[in-house]
N, C-alpha and C. Protein backbone atom coordinates (compact mmCIF):
# COMPACT_ATOMS: atom_id res chain seq x y z
N MET A 1 92.62 62.77 81.49
CA MET A 1 91.84 61.63 81.98
C MET A 1 90.49 62.12 82.51
N SER A 2 89.42 61.49 82.04
CA SER A 2 88.08 61.92 82.46
C SER A 2 87.84 61.53 83.92
N GLU A 3 87.01 62.31 84.58
CA GLU A 3 86.73 62.06 85.98
C GLU A 3 85.64 61.01 86.12
N SER A 4 85.68 60.29 87.24
CA SER A 4 84.71 59.23 87.49
C SER A 4 83.34 59.86 87.79
N PRO A 5 82.27 59.07 87.62
CA PRO A 5 80.93 59.58 87.94
C PRO A 5 80.82 60.10 89.37
N ALA A 6 81.49 59.42 90.31
CA ALA A 6 81.42 59.84 91.71
C ALA A 6 82.04 61.22 91.90
N VAL A 7 83.16 61.47 91.21
CA VAL A 7 83.82 62.78 91.28
C VAL A 7 82.93 63.85 90.68
N LEU A 8 82.32 63.53 89.55
CA LEU A 8 81.44 64.50 88.88
C LEU A 8 80.23 64.85 89.74
N VAL A 9 79.66 63.85 90.39
CA VAL A 9 78.50 64.09 91.27
C VAL A 9 78.90 64.99 92.43
N LEU A 10 80.07 64.70 93.00
CA LEU A 10 80.52 65.51 94.13
C LEU A 10 80.84 66.94 93.69
N ARG A 11 81.43 67.09 92.51
CA ARG A 11 81.73 68.44 92.00
C ARG A 11 80.43 69.22 91.76
N GLN A 12 79.41 68.55 91.26
CA GLN A 12 78.13 69.21 91.06
C GLN A 12 77.52 69.65 92.39
N SER A 13 77.65 68.80 93.39
CA SER A 13 77.15 69.13 94.71
C SER A 13 77.91 70.32 95.30
N LEU A 14 79.22 70.33 95.09
CA LEU A 14 80.04 71.45 95.55
C LEU A 14 79.65 72.74 94.83
N GLN A 15 79.40 72.63 93.54
CA GLN A 15 79.00 73.79 92.75
C GLN A 15 77.72 74.40 93.32
N LYS A 16 76.73 73.56 93.60
CA LYS A 16 75.47 74.05 94.16
C LYS A 16 75.70 74.68 95.53
N CYS A 17 76.57 74.07 96.31
CA CYS A 17 76.83 74.56 97.66
C CYS A 17 77.50 75.94 97.62
N PHE A 18 78.49 76.11 96.76
CA PHE A 18 79.15 77.41 96.65
C PHE A 18 78.20 78.47 96.10
N HIS A 19 77.32 78.05 95.21
CA HIS A 19 76.32 78.99 94.67
C HIS A 19 75.39 79.45 95.80
N THR A 20 75.00 78.52 96.66
CA THR A 20 74.16 78.84 97.81
C THR A 20 74.89 79.77 98.76
N VAL A 21 76.17 79.49 99.00
CA VAL A 21 76.97 80.35 99.87
C VAL A 21 77.00 81.77 99.33
N GLN A 22 77.16 81.89 98.02
CA GLN A 22 77.19 83.22 97.41
C GLN A 22 75.88 83.97 97.66
N GLN A 23 74.77 83.29 97.51
CA GLN A 23 73.47 83.91 97.76
C GLN A 23 73.31 84.28 99.24
N GLN A 24 73.71 83.38 100.10
CA GLN A 24 73.57 83.61 101.54
C GLN A 24 74.51 84.72 102.02
N GLN A 25 75.66 84.83 101.37
CA GLN A 25 76.60 85.88 101.75
C GLN A 25 76.01 87.27 101.50
N GLU A 26 75.22 87.40 100.45
CA GLU A 26 74.55 88.68 100.17
C GLU A 26 73.55 89.02 101.28
N VAL A 27 72.83 88.02 101.74
CA VAL A 27 71.88 88.22 102.84
C VAL A 27 72.64 88.60 104.12
N TRP A 28 73.74 87.91 104.35
CA TRP A 28 74.59 88.15 105.53
C TRP A 28 75.10 89.59 105.55
N GLN A 29 75.65 90.02 104.43
CA GLN A 29 76.21 91.37 104.34
C GLN A 29 75.13 92.43 104.51
N GLN A 30 73.97 92.19 103.94
CA GLN A 30 72.87 93.15 104.07
C GLN A 30 72.42 93.26 105.52
N ALA A 31 72.34 92.12 106.21
CA ALA A 31 71.94 92.14 107.63
C ALA A 31 72.95 92.90 108.47
N LEU A 32 74.24 92.70 108.20
CA LEU A 32 75.28 93.43 108.93
C LEU A 32 75.17 94.92 108.67
N THR A 33 74.92 95.28 107.43
CA THR A 33 74.77 96.69 107.06
C THR A 33 73.57 97.31 107.76
N ASP A 34 72.46 96.58 107.80
CA ASP A 34 71.24 97.08 108.42
C ASP A 34 71.38 97.26 109.93
N CYS A 35 72.30 96.51 110.54
CA CYS A 35 72.49 96.60 111.99
C CYS A 35 73.17 97.90 112.41
N LYS A 36 73.99 98.44 111.54
CA LYS A 36 74.82 99.60 111.90
C LYS A 36 73.99 100.80 112.39
N PRO A 37 72.98 101.28 111.63
CA PRO A 37 72.21 102.43 112.11
C PRO A 37 71.42 102.11 113.38
N LEU A 38 70.99 100.87 113.55
CA LEU A 38 70.26 100.49 114.76
C LEU A 38 71.17 100.57 115.98
N LEU A 39 72.39 100.11 115.83
CA LEU A 39 73.36 100.19 116.92
C LEU A 39 73.69 101.63 117.26
N SER A 40 73.82 102.46 116.23
CA SER A 40 74.10 103.87 116.44
C SER A 40 72.95 104.56 117.18
N SER A 41 71.73 104.23 116.80
CA SER A 41 70.55 104.81 117.47
C SER A 41 70.48 104.36 118.92
N LEU A 42 70.79 103.09 119.17
CA LEU A 42 70.80 102.58 120.55
C LEU A 42 71.86 103.29 121.38
N SER A 43 73.01 103.52 120.79
CA SER A 43 74.09 104.22 121.48
C SER A 43 73.67 105.64 121.85
N ASN A 44 73.07 106.35 120.89
CA ASN A 44 72.61 107.71 121.15
C ASN A 44 71.52 107.75 122.22
N LEU A 45 70.63 106.77 122.17
CA LEU A 45 69.55 106.69 123.14
C LEU A 45 70.10 106.42 124.54
N ALA A 46 71.09 105.56 124.62
CA ALA A 46 71.72 105.26 125.92
C ALA A 46 72.37 106.52 126.50
N GLU A 47 72.95 107.33 125.63
CA GLU A 47 73.55 108.59 126.08
C GLU A 47 72.47 109.53 126.63
N GLN A 48 71.34 109.58 125.95
CA GLN A 48 70.23 110.42 126.42
C GLN A 48 69.68 109.90 127.76
N MET A 49 69.58 108.58 127.87
CA MET A 49 69.07 107.98 129.10
C MET A 49 69.99 108.26 130.27
N GLN A 50 71.29 108.19 130.01
CA GLN A 50 72.26 108.46 131.07
C GLN A 50 72.21 109.93 131.49
N ALA A 51 72.07 110.81 130.50
CA ALA A 51 71.97 112.24 130.80
C ALA A 51 70.73 112.53 131.63
N CYS A 52 69.64 111.84 131.31
CA CYS A 52 68.38 112.01 132.03
C CYS A 52 68.53 111.57 133.49
N GLN A 53 69.30 110.52 133.71
CA GLN A 53 69.52 110.02 135.08
C GLN A 53 70.29 111.02 135.94
N LYS A 54 71.13 111.82 135.28
CA LYS A 54 71.97 112.77 136.01
C LYS A 54 71.24 114.06 136.38
N VAL A 55 70.08 114.26 135.76
CA VAL A 55 69.32 115.48 136.01
C VAL A 55 68.38 115.28 137.20
N THR A 56 68.42 116.19 138.13
CA THR A 56 67.45 116.19 139.22
C THR A 56 66.33 117.13 138.82
N PHE A 57 65.24 116.57 138.33
CA PHE A 57 64.15 117.37 137.76
C PHE A 57 63.56 118.33 138.80
N ALA A 58 63.61 117.95 140.06
CA ALA A 58 63.02 118.79 141.11
C ALA A 58 63.79 120.10 141.27
N HIS A 59 65.03 120.13 140.77
CA HIS A 59 65.86 121.33 140.90
C HIS A 59 65.90 122.14 139.61
N THR A 60 64.99 121.86 138.70
CA THR A 60 64.94 122.56 137.42
C THR A 60 63.55 123.17 137.23
N PRO A 61 63.43 124.06 136.24
CA PRO A 61 62.10 124.63 135.95
C PRO A 61 61.06 123.57 135.58
N LEU A 62 61.53 122.37 135.29
CA LEU A 62 60.61 121.29 134.91
C LEU A 62 59.91 120.66 136.11
N ARG A 63 60.24 121.15 137.32
CA ARG A 63 59.64 120.55 138.52
C ARG A 63 58.12 120.73 138.57
N SER A 64 57.63 121.68 137.81
CA SER A 64 56.18 121.90 137.78
C SER A 64 55.45 120.82 136.99
N PHE A 65 56.24 119.92 136.35
CA PHE A 65 55.66 118.78 135.63
C PHE A 65 56.11 117.50 136.34
N PRO A 66 55.44 117.15 137.42
CA PRO A 66 55.89 116.05 138.27
C PRO A 66 56.01 114.70 137.56
N ASP A 67 55.21 114.49 136.53
CA ASP A 67 55.24 113.18 135.85
C ASP A 67 56.20 113.15 134.67
N LEU A 68 56.84 114.28 134.41
CA LEU A 68 57.67 114.39 133.20
C LEU A 68 58.83 113.40 133.21
N GLU A 69 59.53 113.31 134.33
CA GLU A 69 60.70 112.42 134.40
C GLU A 69 60.30 110.97 134.13
N GLU A 70 59.22 110.55 134.75
CA GLU A 70 58.76 109.16 134.58
C GLU A 70 58.32 108.91 133.14
N GLN A 71 57.62 109.87 132.56
CA GLN A 71 57.15 109.74 131.19
C GLN A 71 58.32 109.69 130.20
N LEU A 72 59.31 110.54 130.46
CA LEU A 72 60.49 110.59 129.58
C LEU A 72 61.25 109.27 129.62
N LYS A 73 61.45 108.75 130.84
CA LYS A 73 62.16 107.47 130.97
C LYS A 73 61.38 106.34 130.32
N TYR A 74 60.05 106.39 130.43
CA TYR A 74 59.21 105.37 129.81
C TYR A 74 59.33 105.42 128.29
N LYS A 75 59.31 106.64 127.74
CA LYS A 75 59.44 106.80 126.28
C LYS A 75 60.79 106.29 125.80
N GLN A 76 61.83 106.61 126.56
CA GLN A 76 63.19 106.17 126.17
C GLN A 76 63.28 104.65 126.21
N ARG A 77 62.71 104.05 127.23
CA ARG A 77 62.74 102.59 127.36
C ARG A 77 61.97 101.94 126.20
N CYS A 78 60.83 102.51 125.85
CA CYS A 78 60.03 101.97 124.73
C CYS A 78 60.81 102.09 123.42
N ALA A 79 61.47 103.23 123.22
CA ALA A 79 62.27 103.43 122.00
C ALA A 79 63.40 102.41 121.93
N ALA A 80 64.02 102.14 123.08
CA ALA A 80 65.11 101.16 123.13
C ALA A 80 64.59 99.76 122.82
N GLU A 81 63.42 99.45 123.34
CA GLU A 81 62.83 98.13 123.10
C GLU A 81 62.55 97.92 121.61
N ILE A 82 62.05 98.97 120.95
CA ILE A 82 61.76 98.88 119.51
C ILE A 82 63.05 98.64 118.73
N LEU A 83 64.10 99.37 119.09
CA LEU A 83 65.39 99.21 118.41
C LEU A 83 65.96 97.81 118.64
N LEU A 84 65.84 97.33 119.87
CA LEU A 84 66.35 95.99 120.18
C LEU A 84 65.58 94.91 119.43
N GLU A 85 64.28 95.15 119.27
CA GLU A 85 63.46 94.18 118.53
C GLU A 85 63.87 94.14 117.05
N GLU A 86 64.11 95.33 116.47
CA GLU A 86 64.56 95.40 115.08
C GLU A 86 65.94 94.75 114.94
N LEU A 87 66.80 95.02 115.90
CA LEU A 87 68.15 94.44 115.87
C LEU A 87 68.07 92.92 115.99
N GLY A 88 67.16 92.46 116.84
CA GLY A 88 66.97 91.01 116.99
C GLY A 88 66.54 90.36 115.69
N GLY A 89 65.72 91.08 114.91
CA GLY A 89 65.30 90.55 113.62
C GLY A 89 66.46 90.41 112.65
N LYS A 90 67.37 91.38 112.66
CA LYS A 90 68.54 91.31 111.79
C LYS A 90 69.49 90.19 112.22
N VAL A 91 69.63 90.02 113.53
CA VAL A 91 70.48 88.94 114.03
C VAL A 91 69.86 87.59 113.70
N ALA A 92 68.53 87.53 113.69
CA ALA A 92 67.85 86.30 113.27
C ALA A 92 68.17 85.99 111.81
N ASP A 93 68.30 87.04 110.99
CA ASP A 93 68.69 86.82 109.58
C ASP A 93 70.09 86.22 109.50
N LEU A 94 70.99 86.69 110.37
CA LEU A 94 72.34 86.13 110.41
C LEU A 94 72.30 84.66 110.82
N GLN A 95 71.43 84.36 111.77
CA GLN A 95 71.30 82.97 112.22
C GLN A 95 70.79 82.07 111.09
N LYS A 96 69.85 82.60 110.30
CA LYS A 96 69.31 81.82 109.18
C LYS A 96 70.40 81.51 108.16
N VAL A 97 71.26 82.49 107.92
CA VAL A 97 72.38 82.26 107.00
C VAL A 97 73.30 81.19 107.56
N ARG A 98 73.65 81.33 108.83
CA ARG A 98 74.53 80.33 109.46
C ARG A 98 73.93 78.93 109.35
N ASP A 99 72.63 78.82 109.65
CA ASP A 99 71.98 77.50 109.63
C ASP A 99 71.87 76.95 108.21
N ALA A 100 71.55 77.83 107.24
CA ALA A 100 71.41 77.38 105.86
C ALA A 100 72.73 76.86 105.32
N VAL A 101 73.80 77.62 105.55
CA VAL A 101 75.12 77.21 105.08
C VAL A 101 75.55 75.93 105.77
N SER A 102 75.32 75.86 107.06
CA SER A 102 75.69 74.65 107.81
C SER A 102 74.98 73.43 107.25
N GLY A 103 73.70 73.58 106.89
CA GLY A 103 72.94 72.47 106.34
C GLY A 103 73.48 72.01 105.00
N TYR A 104 73.77 72.95 104.11
CA TYR A 104 74.29 72.60 102.78
C TYR A 104 75.68 71.99 102.88
N VAL A 105 76.52 72.57 103.73
CA VAL A 105 77.88 72.03 103.89
C VAL A 105 77.81 70.62 104.47
N GLY A 106 76.93 70.42 105.43
CA GLY A 106 76.77 69.09 106.02
C GLY A 106 76.34 68.06 104.99
N THR A 107 75.46 68.46 104.07
CA THR A 107 75.00 67.56 103.01
C THR A 107 76.15 67.16 102.09
N VAL A 108 77.00 68.12 101.75
CA VAL A 108 78.14 67.84 100.86
C VAL A 108 79.12 66.89 101.54
N PHE A 109 79.40 67.15 102.81
CA PHE A 109 80.33 66.27 103.53
C PHE A 109 79.77 64.86 103.67
N GLN A 110 78.47 64.77 103.86
CA GLN A 110 77.84 63.46 103.95
C GLN A 110 77.97 62.71 102.63
N LEU A 111 77.77 63.44 101.53
CA LEU A 111 77.91 62.83 100.21
C LEU A 111 79.34 62.36 99.98
N TYR A 112 80.29 63.17 100.42
CA TYR A 112 81.70 62.79 100.27
C TYR A 112 82.01 61.52 101.08
N GLU A 113 81.53 61.48 102.31
CA GLU A 113 81.79 60.31 103.16
C GLU A 113 81.17 59.05 102.58
N GLN A 114 80.01 59.19 101.98
CA GLN A 114 79.33 58.03 101.39
C GLN A 114 80.09 57.48 100.18
N ASN A 115 80.84 58.38 99.51
CA ASN A 115 81.55 57.98 98.30
C ASN A 115 83.07 57.95 98.46
N ALA A 116 83.53 58.11 99.69
CA ALA A 116 84.97 58.21 99.93
C ALA A 116 85.73 56.98 99.41
N ASP A 117 85.19 55.79 99.65
CA ASP A 117 85.87 54.57 99.22
C ASP A 117 85.92 54.48 97.70
N VAL A 118 84.85 54.90 97.05
CA VAL A 118 84.81 54.86 95.58
C VAL A 118 85.75 55.90 94.99
N LEU A 119 85.76 57.08 95.61
CA LEU A 119 86.59 58.18 95.11
C LEU A 119 88.07 57.85 95.21
N GLY A 120 88.46 57.38 96.39
CA GLY A 120 89.87 57.11 96.63
C GLY A 120 90.63 58.38 96.97
N PHE A 121 91.78 58.20 97.58
CA PHE A 121 92.58 59.33 98.04
C PHE A 121 93.08 60.19 96.88
N GLN A 122 93.56 59.53 95.85
CA GLN A 122 94.15 60.25 94.71
C GLN A 122 93.16 61.20 94.05
N ALA A 123 91.94 60.73 93.85
CA ALA A 123 90.91 61.56 93.21
C ALA A 123 90.53 62.74 94.10
N SER A 124 90.65 62.55 95.41
CA SER A 124 90.27 63.61 96.35
C SER A 124 91.27 64.76 96.39
N VAL A 125 92.53 64.46 96.17
CA VAL A 125 93.57 65.48 96.29
C VAL A 125 94.09 65.97 94.94
N GLN A 126 93.60 65.38 93.86
CA GLN A 126 94.09 65.77 92.53
C GLN A 126 93.59 67.17 92.18
N ARG A 127 94.52 68.02 91.77
CA ARG A 127 94.16 69.39 91.38
C ARG A 127 94.92 69.78 90.13
N SER A 128 94.45 70.82 89.47
CA SER A 128 95.13 71.33 88.28
C SER A 128 95.21 72.85 88.41
N ALA A 129 95.80 73.48 87.40
CA ALA A 129 95.93 74.93 87.43
C ALA A 129 94.57 75.62 87.46
N LEU A 130 93.56 74.97 86.85
CA LEU A 130 92.23 75.57 86.76
C LEU A 130 91.23 74.97 87.72
N ASN A 131 91.56 73.82 88.28
CA ASN A 131 90.62 73.13 89.16
C ASN A 131 91.23 72.84 90.52
N PRO A 132 90.62 73.36 91.61
CA PRO A 132 91.06 72.95 92.94
C PRO A 132 90.67 71.50 93.18
N SER A 133 91.33 70.86 94.11
CA SER A 133 90.98 69.47 94.42
C SER A 133 89.69 69.43 95.23
N LEU A 134 89.09 68.24 95.27
CA LEU A 134 87.89 68.06 96.10
C LEU A 134 88.21 68.35 97.56
N ALA A 135 89.40 67.92 97.98
CA ALA A 135 89.81 68.15 99.38
C ALA A 135 89.94 69.64 99.66
N ASP A 136 90.50 70.39 98.70
CA ASP A 136 90.61 71.85 98.85
C ASP A 136 89.24 72.47 99.08
N MET A 137 88.30 72.11 98.21
CA MET A 137 86.98 72.73 98.28
C MET A 137 86.22 72.34 99.53
N LEU A 138 86.39 71.11 99.97
CA LEU A 138 85.75 70.68 101.21
C LEU A 138 86.32 71.46 102.40
N GLU A 139 87.61 71.68 102.36
CA GLU A 139 88.25 72.46 103.43
C GLU A 139 87.75 73.90 103.41
N TRP A 140 87.60 74.46 102.21
CA TRP A 140 87.09 75.83 102.10
C TRP A 140 85.68 75.94 102.69
N LEU A 141 84.85 74.96 102.39
CA LEU A 141 83.49 74.98 102.91
C LEU A 141 83.48 74.86 104.44
N HIS A 142 84.36 74.03 104.95
CA HIS A 142 84.47 73.89 106.41
C HIS A 142 84.87 75.22 107.04
N ASP A 143 85.81 75.94 106.42
CA ASP A 143 86.26 77.23 106.93
C ASP A 143 85.14 78.27 106.86
N ILE A 144 84.37 78.24 105.79
CA ILE A 144 83.24 79.17 105.62
C ILE A 144 82.20 78.93 106.71
N GLU A 145 81.86 77.68 106.93
CA GLU A 145 80.87 77.36 107.96
C GLU A 145 81.36 77.84 109.33
N ARG A 146 82.63 77.60 109.60
CA ARG A 146 83.21 77.99 110.89
C ARG A 146 83.19 79.52 111.03
N TYR A 147 83.44 80.25 109.94
CA TYR A 147 83.43 81.71 109.96
C TYR A 147 82.04 82.23 110.36
N TYR A 148 81.01 81.73 109.69
CA TYR A 148 79.65 82.17 110.01
C TYR A 148 79.30 81.84 111.45
N ARG A 149 79.65 80.64 111.87
CA ARG A 149 79.33 80.20 113.23
C ARG A 149 80.00 81.12 114.26
N HIS A 150 81.28 81.41 114.02
CA HIS A 150 82.07 82.18 114.98
C HIS A 150 81.58 83.62 115.08
N VAL A 151 81.39 84.27 113.93
CA VAL A 151 80.97 85.68 113.94
C VAL A 151 79.57 85.81 114.53
N TYR A 152 78.66 84.91 114.15
CA TYR A 152 77.31 84.96 114.70
C TYR A 152 77.34 84.83 116.22
N LEU A 153 78.14 83.90 116.73
CA LEU A 153 78.20 83.68 118.17
C LEU A 153 78.71 84.92 118.89
N GLU A 154 79.74 85.56 118.34
CA GLU A 154 80.29 86.77 118.97
C GLU A 154 79.25 87.89 118.99
N ILE A 155 78.53 88.05 117.89
CA ILE A 155 77.48 89.09 117.81
C ILE A 155 76.36 88.79 118.80
N LYS A 156 75.94 87.54 118.85
CA LYS A 156 74.87 87.14 119.76
C LYS A 156 75.26 87.39 121.21
N LEU A 157 76.48 87.04 121.58
CA LEU A 157 76.96 87.25 122.95
C LEU A 157 77.03 88.74 123.29
N LEU A 158 77.44 89.55 122.31
CA LEU A 158 77.50 91.00 122.53
C LEU A 158 76.12 91.55 122.86
N LEU A 159 75.12 91.16 122.08
CA LEU A 159 73.78 91.70 122.28
C LEU A 159 73.11 91.16 123.54
N LEU A 160 73.49 89.97 123.95
CA LEU A 160 72.94 89.40 125.19
C LEU A 160 73.44 90.16 126.42
N GLN A 161 74.52 90.90 126.26
CA GLN A 161 75.09 91.65 127.38
C GLN A 161 74.46 93.03 127.56
N ILE A 162 73.55 93.40 126.66
CA ILE A 162 72.91 94.72 126.76
C ILE A 162 72.03 94.77 128.00
N ARG A 163 72.28 95.76 128.84
CA ARG A 163 71.50 95.95 130.06
C ARG A 163 71.19 97.44 130.23
N TYR A 164 69.95 97.73 130.59
CA TYR A 164 69.60 99.13 130.84
C TYR A 164 70.34 99.65 132.07
N GLU A 165 70.75 98.74 132.94
CA GLU A 165 71.49 99.14 134.14
C GLU A 165 72.93 99.50 133.81
N ASN A 166 73.37 99.18 132.60
CA ASN A 166 74.75 99.46 132.20
C ASN A 166 74.74 100.29 130.91
N LEU A 167 74.34 101.53 131.03
CA LEU A 167 74.22 102.41 129.87
C LEU A 167 75.55 102.73 129.19
N PRO A 168 76.66 102.84 129.96
CA PRO A 168 77.94 103.10 129.28
C PRO A 168 78.30 102.02 128.26
N ASP A 169 78.01 100.75 128.59
CA ASP A 169 78.28 99.67 127.64
C ASP A 169 77.37 99.77 126.42
N MET A 170 76.12 100.20 126.65
CA MET A 170 75.19 100.36 125.54
C MET A 170 75.66 101.48 124.61
N GLN A 171 76.27 102.49 125.19
CA GLN A 171 76.79 103.60 124.39
C GLN A 171 77.93 103.16 123.48
N THR A 172 78.69 102.18 123.92
CA THR A 172 79.85 101.74 123.14
C THR A 172 79.53 100.56 122.22
N LEU A 173 78.25 100.26 122.04
CA LEU A 173 77.86 99.14 121.17
C LEU A 173 78.45 99.23 119.75
N PRO A 174 78.39 100.40 119.10
CA PRO A 174 78.96 100.48 117.74
C PRO A 174 80.44 100.12 117.70
N GLN A 175 81.19 100.57 118.72
CA GLN A 175 82.63 100.27 118.76
C GLN A 175 82.86 98.79 119.03
N SER A 176 82.06 98.21 119.93
CA SER A 176 82.20 96.77 120.21
C SER A 176 81.86 95.94 118.98
N TRP A 177 80.85 96.37 118.26
CA TRP A 177 80.43 95.70 117.02
C TRP A 177 81.57 95.76 116.00
N ASP A 178 82.15 96.95 115.84
CA ASP A 178 83.25 97.13 114.88
C ASP A 178 84.44 96.25 115.24
N ARG A 179 84.68 96.10 116.54
CA ARG A 179 85.82 95.26 116.97
C ARG A 179 85.61 93.80 116.55
N ILE A 180 84.37 93.34 116.66
CA ILE A 180 84.07 91.96 116.24
C ILE A 180 84.35 91.79 114.75
N LEU A 181 83.87 92.74 113.96
CA LEU A 181 84.04 92.64 112.51
C LEU A 181 85.50 92.84 112.10
N GLU A 182 86.21 93.73 112.81
CA GLU A 182 87.63 93.95 112.50
C GLU A 182 88.44 92.70 112.86
N HIS A 183 88.06 92.07 113.97
CA HIS A 183 88.75 90.84 114.40
C HIS A 183 88.59 89.74 113.36
N ASN A 184 87.47 89.80 112.65
CA ASN A 184 87.20 88.83 111.59
C ASN A 184 87.25 89.51 110.22
N SER A 185 88.14 90.49 110.10
CA SER A 185 88.17 91.32 108.89
C SER A 185 88.56 90.53 107.64
N ARG A 186 89.36 89.49 107.84
CA ARG A 186 89.69 88.66 106.67
C ARG A 186 88.47 87.81 106.36
N ASN A 187 87.65 88.32 105.48
CA ASN A 187 86.39 87.63 105.18
C ASN A 187 86.67 86.42 104.31
N ILE A 188 86.76 85.28 104.96
CA ILE A 188 87.13 84.05 104.27
C ILE A 188 86.07 83.66 103.24
N VAL A 189 84.84 84.11 103.43
CA VAL A 189 83.78 83.77 102.48
C VAL A 189 84.05 84.44 101.13
N GLN A 190 84.30 85.75 101.16
CA GLN A 190 84.58 86.47 99.92
C GLN A 190 85.85 85.96 99.26
N ASP A 191 86.88 85.69 100.07
CA ASP A 191 88.14 85.17 99.52
C ASP A 191 87.91 83.84 98.80
N THR A 192 87.13 82.97 99.43
CA THR A 192 86.88 81.65 98.85
C THR A 192 86.04 81.75 97.58
N LEU A 193 85.01 82.57 97.63
CA LEU A 193 84.16 82.73 96.44
C LEU A 193 84.96 83.28 95.27
N LEU A 194 85.94 84.12 95.57
CA LEU A 194 86.81 84.65 94.50
C LEU A 194 87.64 83.53 93.92
N LYS A 195 88.20 82.68 94.78
CA LYS A 195 89.00 81.55 94.29
C LYS A 195 88.15 80.61 93.44
N VAL A 196 86.95 80.36 93.92
CA VAL A 196 86.05 79.44 93.20
C VAL A 196 85.67 80.01 91.84
N SER A 197 85.53 81.34 91.77
CA SER A 197 85.11 81.96 90.50
C SER A 197 86.14 81.78 89.40
N PHE A 198 87.41 81.52 89.79
CA PHE A 198 88.46 81.29 88.80
C PHE A 198 88.58 79.83 88.39
N SER A 199 87.80 78.98 89.05
CA SER A 199 87.85 77.56 88.73
C SER A 199 87.14 77.30 87.40
N GLU A 200 87.63 76.32 86.70
CA GLU A 200 87.08 75.97 85.40
C GLU A 200 85.71 75.32 85.50
N THR A 201 85.51 74.54 86.55
CA THR A 201 84.28 73.74 86.62
C THR A 201 83.27 74.26 87.61
N LEU A 202 83.60 75.31 88.37
CA LEU A 202 82.66 75.81 89.38
C LEU A 202 82.21 77.21 89.06
């Protein structure tokens, strides 16, 4: 039985949305990858800053350079600021992905709601061996949007907690970052895109 025009329009909209998700997922993964060395550098710098705090320069041969301690701390702080700025740029890329996906998913759901009465319940849940139902795909998109939202929020909260007064926490940034990603290790985006790739019409 051929599908109604409303079903076909919604399937086309879903197709475009999943294609966009695939493109955005590449941006997302690249941003996550780019964050890793920045976090590692911040961790190493925090270790150096903490070591510097433990040294009493007046009791070392460096005491003949009275401005050295202040200059060193200033350089370390500037280096940290540069790293944080670069990291902020990568996190902004994650935010753009979250917002872009949220916008496309919202458009699809709006289209579905506008045509829900025409589509009917049966057309929404009908599936075959090669085609997921409209309801399945809408649920997948909802899960994808929630995944991006959740991971971005956790990353954002982690970075907001960075304080120069708390260098031990800054040193453990890579481990805290890994915990966030491990906690969300089941990448629902990749899983869904794989399922969609086996669909006959998407």
